[in-house]
PDB file of N, CA and C in Angstrom:
ATOM      1  N   MET A   1      81.885  88.303 -20.499  1.00  0.00           N
ATOM      2  CA  MET A   1      80.969  87.625 -19.593  1.00  0.00           C
ATOM      3  C   MET A   1      80.139  86.646 -20.412  1.00  0.00           C
ATOM      4  N   SER A   2      80.019  85.430 -19.924  1.00  0.00           N
ATOM      5  CA  SER A   2      79.232  84.427 -20.639  1.00  0.00           C
ATOM      6  C   SER A   2      77.749  84.634 -20.420  1.00  0.00           C
ATOM      7  N   ASP A   3      76.949  84.046 -21.298  1.00  0.00           N
ATOM      8  CA  ASP A   3      75.493  84.130 -21.161  1.00  0.00           C
ATOM      9  C   ASP A   3      75.003  83.476 -19.878  1.00  0.00           C
ATOM     10  N   ALA A   4      75.740  82.517 -19.351  1.00  0.00           N
ATOM     11  CA  ALA A   4      75.323  81.823 -18.136  1.00  0.00           C
ATOM     12  C   ALA A   4      75.143  82.804 -16.982  1.00  0.00           C
ATOM     13  N   TYR A   5      76.016  83.793 -16.896  1.00  0.00           N
ATOM     14  CA  TYR A   5      75.887  84.766 -15.813  1.00  0.00           C
ATOM     15  C   TYR A   5      74.644  85.635 -16.007  1.00  0.00           C
ATOM     16  N   VAL A   6      74.300  85.912 -17.243  1.00  0.00           N
ATOM     17  CA  VAL A   6      73.144  86.748 -17.535  1.00  0.00           C
ATOM     18  C   VAL A   6      71.848  86.044 -17.143  1.00  0.00           C
ATOM     19  N   VAL A   7      71.786  84.718 -17.328  1.00  0.00           N
ATOM     20  CA  VAL A   7      70.564  83.983 -17.020  1.00  0.00           C
ATOM     21  C   VAL A   7      70.548  83.452 -15.591  1.00  0.00           C
ATOM     22  N   GLY A   8      71.513  83.812 -14.782  1.00  0.00           N
ATOM     23  CA  GLY A   8      71.452  83.483 -13.369  1.00  0.00           C
ATOM     24  C   GLY A   8      72.244  82.265 -12.929  1.00  0.00           C
ATOM     25  N   ASP A   9      73.116  81.737 -13.755  1.00  0.00           N
ATOM     26  CA  ASP A   9      73.950  80.605 -13.369  1.00  0.00           C
ATOM     27  C   ASP A   9      75.280  81.167 -12.871  1.00  0.00           C
ATOM     28  N   PRO A  10      75.480  81.275 -11.548  1.00  0.00           N
ATOM     29  CA  PRO A  10      76.643  81.986 -11.025  1.00  0.00           C
ATOM     30  C   PRO A  10      77.992  81.340 -11.334  1.00  0.00           C
ATOM     31  N   ASP A  11      78.037  80.022 -11.524  1.00  0.00           N
ATOM     32  CA  ASP A  11      79.340  79.418 -11.800  1.00  0.00           C
ATOM     33  C   ASP A  11      79.633  79.321 -13.289  1.00  0.00           C
ATOM     34  N   GLY A  12      78.662  79.618 -14.131  1.00  0.00           N
ATOM     35  CA  GLY A  12      78.902  79.648 -15.565  1.00  0.00           C
ATOM     36  C   GLY A  12      79.043  78.291 -16.223  1.00  0.00           C
ATOM     37  N   LEU A  13      78.678  77.233 -15.526  1.00  0.00           N
ATOM     38  CA  LEU A  13      78.797  75.890 -16.092  1.00  0.00           C
ATOM     39  C   LEU A  13      77.425  75.365 -16.500  1.00  0.00           C
ATOM     40  N   PRO A  14      77.392  74.582 -17.568  1.00  0.00           N
ATOM     41  CA  PRO A  14      76.136  73.898 -17.885  1.00  0.00           C
ATOM     42  C   PRO A  14      75.797  72.926 -16.757  1.00  0.00           C
ATOM     43  N   PRO A  15      74.528  72.545 -16.625  1.00  0.00           N
ATOM     44  CA  PRO A  15      74.120  71.682 -15.506  1.00  0.00           C
ATOM     45  C   PRO A  15      74.930  70.385 -15.374  1.00  0.00           C
ATOM     46  N   LEU A  16      75.221  69.698 -16.470  1.00  0.00           N
ATOM     47  CA  LEU A  16      75.977  68.446 -16.373  1.00  0.00           C
ATOM     48  C   LEU A  16      77.376  68.699 -15.829  1.00  0.00           C
ATOM     49  N   GLN A  17      78.038  69.743 -16.321  1.00  0.00           N
ATOM     50  CA  GLN A  17      79.377  70.040 -15.820  1.00  0.00           C
ATOM     51  C   GLN A  17      79.353  70.418 -14.342  1.00  0.00           C
ATOM     52  N   ALA A  18      78.344  71.135 -13.926  1.00  0.00           N
ATOM     53  CA  ALA A  18      78.222  71.488 -12.504  1.00  0.00           C
ATOM     54  C   ALA A  18      78.015  70.232 -11.666  1.00  0.00           C
ATOM     55  N   GLU A  19      77.194  69.298 -12.145  1.00  0.00           N
ATOM     56  CA  GLU A  19      76.984  68.039 -11.417  1.00  0.00           C
ATOM     57  C   GLU A  19      78.267  67.225 -11.364  1.00  0.00           C
ATOM     58  N   LEU A  20      79.018  67.184 -12.467  1.00  0.00           N
ATOM     59  CA  LEU A  20      80.291  66.458 -12.484  1.00  0.00           C
ATOM     60  C   LEU A  20      81.277  67.082 -11.502  1.00  0.00           C
ATOM     61  N   ARG A  21      81.370  68.403 -11.513  1.00  0.00           N
ATOM     62  CA  ARG A  21      82.262  69.095 -10.576  1.00  0.00           C
ATOM     63  C   ARG A  21      81.904  68.762  -9.142  1.00  0.00           C
ATOM     64  N   ASP A  22      80.605  68.798  -8.852  1.00  0.00           N
ATOM     65  CA  ASP A  22      80.154  68.517  -7.489  1.00  0.00           C
ATOM     66  C   ASP A  22      80.430  67.069  -7.089  1.00  0.00           C
ATOM     67  N   ALA A  23      80.239  66.135  -8.026  1.00  0.00           N
ATOM     68  CA  ALA A  23      80.506  64.722  -7.736  1.00  0.00           C
ATOM     69  C   ALA A  23      81.991  64.498  -7.463  1.00  0.00           C
ATOM     70  N   VAL A  24      82.840  65.116  -8.265  1.00  0.00           N
ATOM     71  CA  VAL A  24      84.290  64.990  -8.056  1.00  0.00           C
ATOM     72  C   VAL A  24      84.675  65.608  -6.713  1.00  0.00           C
ATOM     73  N   ALA A  25      84.136  66.770  -6.410  1.00  0.00           N
ATOM     74  CA  ALA A  25      84.454  67.429  -5.147  1.00  0.00           C
ATOM     75  C   ALA A  25      84.009  66.593  -3.953  1.00  0.00           C
ATOM     76  N   ARG A  26      82.800  66.011  -4.032  1.00  0.00           N
ATOM     77  CA  ARG A  26      82.324  65.167  -2.922  1.00  0.00           C
ATOM     78  C   ARG A  26      83.235  63.960  -2.721  1.00  0.00           C
ATOM     79  N   GLU A  27      83.629  63.329  -3.829  1.00  0.00           N
ATOM     80  CA  GLU A  27      84.481  62.140  -3.689  1.00  0.00           C
ATOM     81  C   GLU A  27      85.868  62.508  -3.179  1.00  0.00           C
ATOM     82  N   LEU A  28      86.432  63.595  -3.675  1.00  0.00           N
ATOM     83  CA  LEU A  28      87.740  64.019  -3.173  1.00  0.00           C
ATOM     84  C   LEU A  28      87.672  64.360  -1.689  1.00  0.00           C
ATOM     85  N   HIS A  29      86.603  65.008  -1.289  1.00  0.00           N
ATOM     86  CA  HIS A  29      86.417  65.325   0.128  1.00  0.00           C
ATOM     87  C   HIS A  29      86.362  64.037   0.953  1.00  0.00           C
ATOM     88  N   ALA A  30      85.601  63.059   0.472  1.00  0.00           N
ATOM     89  CA  ALA A  30      85.494  61.780   1.190  1.00  0.00           C
ATOM     90  C   ALA A  30      86.839  61.069   1.257  1.00  0.00           C
ATOM     91  N   GLN A  31      87.564  61.069   0.155  1.00  0.00           N
ATOM     92  CA  GLN A  31      88.859  60.384   0.128  1.00  0.00           C
ATOM     93  C   GLN A  31      89.863  61.070   1.054  1.00  0.00           C
ATOM     94  N   LEU A  32      89.853  62.391   1.064  1.00  0.00           N
ATOM     95  CA  LEU A  32      90.765  63.105   1.963  1.00  0.00           C
ATOM     96  C   LEU A  32      90.408  62.844   3.421  1.00  0.00           C
ATOM     97  N   ALA A  33      89.131  62.763   3.718  1.00  0.00           N
ATOM     98  CA  ALA A  33      88.718  62.466   5.095  1.00  0.00           C
ATOM     99  C   ALA A  33      89.183  61.070   5.507  1.00  0.00           C
ATOM    100  N   LEU A  34      89.111  60.121   4.586  1.00  0.00           N
ATOM    101  CA  LEU A  34      89.558  58.758   4.886  1.00  0.00           C
ATOM    102  C   LEU A  34      91.067  58.676   5.101  1.00  0.00           C
ATOM    103  N   ARG A  35      91.780  59.600   4.519  1.00  0.00           N
ATOM    104  CA  ARG A  35      93.246  59.528   4.529  1.00  0.00           C
ATOM    105  C   ARG A  35      93.878  60.653   5.348  1.00  0.00           C
ATOM    106  N   ALA A  36      93.161  61.122   6.357  1.00  0.00           N
ATOM    107  CA  ALA A  36      93.668  62.169   7.252  1.00  0.00           C
ATOM    108  C   ALA A  36      94.112  63.411   6.478  1.00  0.00           C
ATOM    109  N   GLU A  37      93.334  63.786   5.467  1.00  0.00           N
ATOM    110  CA  GLU A  37      93.563  64.984   4.663  1.00  0.00           C
ATOM    111  C   GLU A  37      94.924  65.009   3.987  1.00  0.00           C
ATOM    112  N   ARG A  38      95.397  63.830   3.634  1.00  0.00           N
ATOM    113  CA  ARG A  38      96.691  63.752   2.948  1.00  0.00           C
ATOM    114  C   ARG A  38      96.644  62.612   1.944  1.00  0.00           C
ATOM    115  N   LEU A  39      96.991  62.910   0.707  1.00  0.00           N
ATOM    116  CA  LEU A  39      97.059  61.872  -0.316  1.00  0.00           C
ATOM    117  C   LEU A  39      98.516  61.551  -0.615  1.00  0.00           C
ATOM    118  N   GLU A  40      98.855  60.305  -0.475  1.00  0.00           N
ATOM    119  CA  GLU A  40     100.176  59.847  -0.875  1.00  0.00           C
ATOM    120  C   GLU A  40     100.135  59.536  -2.368  1.00  0.00           C
ATOM    121  N   LEU A  41     101.261  59.597  -3.016  1.00  0.00           N
ATOM    122  CA  LEU A  41     101.330  59.303  -4.440  1.00  0.00           C
ATOM    123  C   LEU A  41     100.770  57.918  -4.743  1.00  0.00           C
ATOM    124  N   ALA A  42     101.014  56.979  -3.874  1.00  0.00           N
ATOM    125  CA  ALA A  42     100.520  55.612  -4.074  1.00  0.00           C
ATOM    126  C   ALA A  42      98.990  55.535  -3.999  1.00  0.00           C
ATOM    127  N   ASP A  43      98.344  56.521  -3.381  1.00  0.00           N
ATOM    128  CA  ASP A  43      96.887  56.538  -3.255  1.00  0.00           C
ATOM    129  C   ASP A  43      96.183  57.073  -4.497  1.00  0.00           C
ATOM    130  N   VAL A  44      96.893  57.755  -5.367  1.00  0.00           N
ATOM    131  CA  VAL A  44      96.271  58.422  -6.510  1.00  0.00           C
ATOM    132  C   VAL A  44      95.468  57.469  -7.390  1.00  0.00           C
ATOM    133  N   PRO A  45      95.965  56.275  -7.747  1.00  0.00           N
ATOM    134  CA  PRO A  45      95.150  55.390  -8.581  1.00  0.00           C
ATOM    135  C   PRO A  45      93.824  54.996  -7.919  1.00  0.00           C
ATOM    136  N   GLU A  46      93.833  54.720  -6.635  1.00  0.00           N
ATOM    137  CA  GLU A  46      92.597  54.361  -5.937  1.00  0.00           C
ATOM    138  C   GLU A  46      91.636  55.547  -5.877  1.00  0.00           C
ATOM    139  N   VAL A  47      92.157  56.726  -5.614  1.00  0.00           N
ATOM    140  CA  VAL A  47      91.314  57.920  -5.580  1.00  0.00           C
ATOM    141  C   VAL A  47      90.716  58.168  -6.966  1.00  0.00           C
ATOM    142  N   ALA A  48      91.523  58.040  -8.001  1.00  0.00           N
ATOM    143  CA  ALA A  48      91.017  58.224  -9.365  1.00  0.00           C
ATOM    144  C   ALA A  48      89.932  57.198  -9.688  1.00  0.00           C
ATOM    145  N   TYR A  49      90.122  55.973  -9.234  1.00  0.00           N
ATOM    146  CA  TYR A  49      89.110  54.929  -9.442  1.00  0.00           C
ATOM    147  C   TYR A  49      87.797  55.307  -8.748  1.00  0.00           C
ATOM    148  N   GLN A  50      87.883  55.767  -7.520  1.00  0.00           N
ATOM    149  CA  GLN A  50      86.683  56.134  -6.777  1.00  0.00           C
ATOM    150  C   GLN A  50      85.982  57.341  -7.408  1.00  0.00           C
ATOM    151  N   VAL A  51      86.746  58.303  -7.889  1.00  0.00           N
ATOM    152  CA  VAL A  51      86.158  59.453  -8.582  1.00  0.00           C
ATOM    153  C   VAL A  51      85.456  58.985  -9.846  1.00  0.00           C
ATOM    154  N   THR A  52      86.076  58.071 -10.579  1.00  0.00           N
ATOM    155  CA  THR A  52      85.474  57.523 -11.798  1.00  0.00           C
ATOM    156  C   THR A  52      84.170  56.812 -11.486  1.00  0.00           C
ATOM    157  N   ARG A  53      84.144  56.055 -10.395  1.00  0.00           N
ATOM    158  CA  ARG A  53      82.895  55.375 -10.001  1.00  0.00           C
ATOM    159  C   ARG A  53      81.804  56.373  -9.667  1.00  0.00           C
ATOM    160  N   ARG A  54      82.170  57.441  -8.965  1.00  0.00           N
ATOM    161  CA  ARG A  54      81.185  58.469  -8.605  1.00  0.00           C
ATOM    162  C   ARG A  54      80.611  59.116  -9.866  1.00  0.00           C
ATOM    163  N   ILE A  55      81.464  59.412 -10.840  1.00  0.00           N
ATOM    164  CA  ILE A  55      81.006  60.002 -12.098  1.00  0.00           C
ATOM    165  C   ILE A  55      80.124  59.018 -12.861  1.00  0.00           C
ATOM    166  N   ASP A  56      80.507  57.751 -12.866  1.00  0.00           N
ATOM    167  CA  ASP A  56      79.690  56.740 -13.535  1.00  0.00           C
ATOM    168  C   ASP A  56      78.299  56.659 -12.912  1.00  0.00           C
ATOM    169  N   GLU A  57      78.225  56.715 -11.586  1.00  0.00           N
ATOM    170  CA  GLU A  57      76.921  56.710 -10.907  1.00  0.00           C
ATOM    171  C   GLU A  57      76.084  57.910 -11.329  1.00  0.00           C
ATOM    172  N   LEU A  58      76.716  59.072 -11.372  1.00  0.00           N
ATOM    173  CA  LEU A  58      75.996  60.278 -11.768  1.00  0.00           C
ATOM    174  C   LEU A  58      75.469  60.151 -13.199  1.00  0.00           C
ATOM    175  N   LEU A  59      76.321  59.711 -14.110  1.00  0.00           N
ATOM    176  CA  LEU A  59      75.900  59.592 -15.506  1.00  0.00           C
ATOM    177  C   LEU A  59      74.854  58.504 -15.691  1.00  0.00           C
ATOM    178  N   SER A  60      74.941  57.451 -14.910  1.00  0.00           N
ATOM    179  CA  SER A  60      73.944  56.378 -15.001  1.00  0.00           C
ATOM    180  C   SER A  60      72.569  56.872 -14.593  1.00  0.00           C
ATOM    181  N   ARG A  61      72.521  57.754 -13.601  1.00  0.00           N
ATOM    182  CA  ARG A  61      71.234  58.324 -13.173  1.00  0.00           C
ATOM    183  C   ARG A  61      70.680  59.279 -14.217  1.00  0.00           C
ATOM    184  N   ARG A  62      71.546  60.019 -14.871  1.00  0.00           N
ATOM    185  CA  ARG A  62      71.096  61.026 -15.842  1.00  0.00           C
ATOM    186  C   ARG A  62      70.702  60.413 -17.173  1.00  0.00           C
ATOM    187  N   VAL A  63      71.422  59.378 -17.607  1.00  0.00           N
ATOM    188  CA  VAL A  63      71.198  58.785 -18.924  1.00  0.00           C
ATOM    189  C   VAL A  63      70.946  57.291 -18.737  1.00  0.00           C
ATOM    190  N   PRO A  64      69.685  56.885 -18.484  1.00  0.00           N
ATOM    191  CA  PRO A  64      69.405  55.484 -18.191  1.00  0.00           C
ATOM    192  C   PRO A  64      69.752  54.524 -19.325  1.00  0.00           C
ATOM    193  N   SER A  65      69.704  54.962 -20.562  1.00  0.00           N
ATOM    194  CA  SER A  65      69.993  54.056 -21.681  1.00  0.00           C
ATOM    195  C   SER A  65      71.359  54.347 -22.276  1.00  0.00           C
ATOM    196  N   ARG A  66      72.328  54.634 -21.413  1.00  0.00           N
ATOM    197  CA  ARG A  66      73.674  54.952 -21.883  1.00  0.00           C
ATOM    198  C   ARG A  66      74.211  53.815 -22.737  1.00  0.00           C
ATOM    199  N   GLY A  67      74.865  54.171 -23.827  1.00  0.00           N
ATOM    200  CA  GLY A  67      75.436  53.163 -24.706  1.00  0.00           C
ATOM    201  C   GLY A  67      74.519  52.782 -25.858  1.00  0.00           C
ATOM    202  N   ARG A  68      73.295  53.194 -25.773  1.00  0.00           N
ATOM    203  CA  ARG A  68      72.358  52.929 -26.855  1.00  0.00           C
ATOM    204  C   ARG A  68      72.072  54.218 -27.593  1.00  0.00           C
ATOM    205  N   HIS A  69      72.059  54.128 -28.899  1.00  0.00           N
ATOM    206  CA  HIS A  69      71.750  55.296 -29.707  1.00  0.00           C
ATOM    207  C   HIS A  69      70.278  55.253 -30.077  1.00  0.00           C
ATOM    208  N   SER A  70      69.648  56.425 -29.992  1.00  0.00           N
ATOM    209  CA  SER A  70      68.258  56.475 -30.398  1.00  0.00           C
ATOM    210  C   SER A  70      68.165  56.478 -31.919  1.00  0.00           C
ATOM    211  N   PRO A  71      67.103  55.901 -32.475  1.00  0.00           N
ATOM    212  CA  PRO A  71      66.981  55.860 -33.927  1.00  0.00           C
ATOM    213  C   PRO A  71      66.892  57.262 -34.521  1.00  0.00           C
ATOM    214  N   ALA A  72      67.476  57.406 -35.670  1.00  0.00           N
ATOM    215  CA  ALA A  72      67.504  58.727 -36.327  1.00  0.00           C
ATOM    216  C   ALA A  72      66.247  58.978 -37.118  1.00  0.00           C
TER     217      ALA A  72
END
């Protein structure tokens, strides 16, 4: 059993991973709704693009100065 369960995190994921999982799930849900709950092979690149955008939005909110390193 991981320490996450001991401290009350039922899914055992760190907060960022839980947010990423939730963002991916929300986007997949939206994409499936748009496509009558069926993904064709030809749709996979567009779905992957939309999932990537959703993750980018999440990371942009969490790390406002992404791409910049803080001085050591």
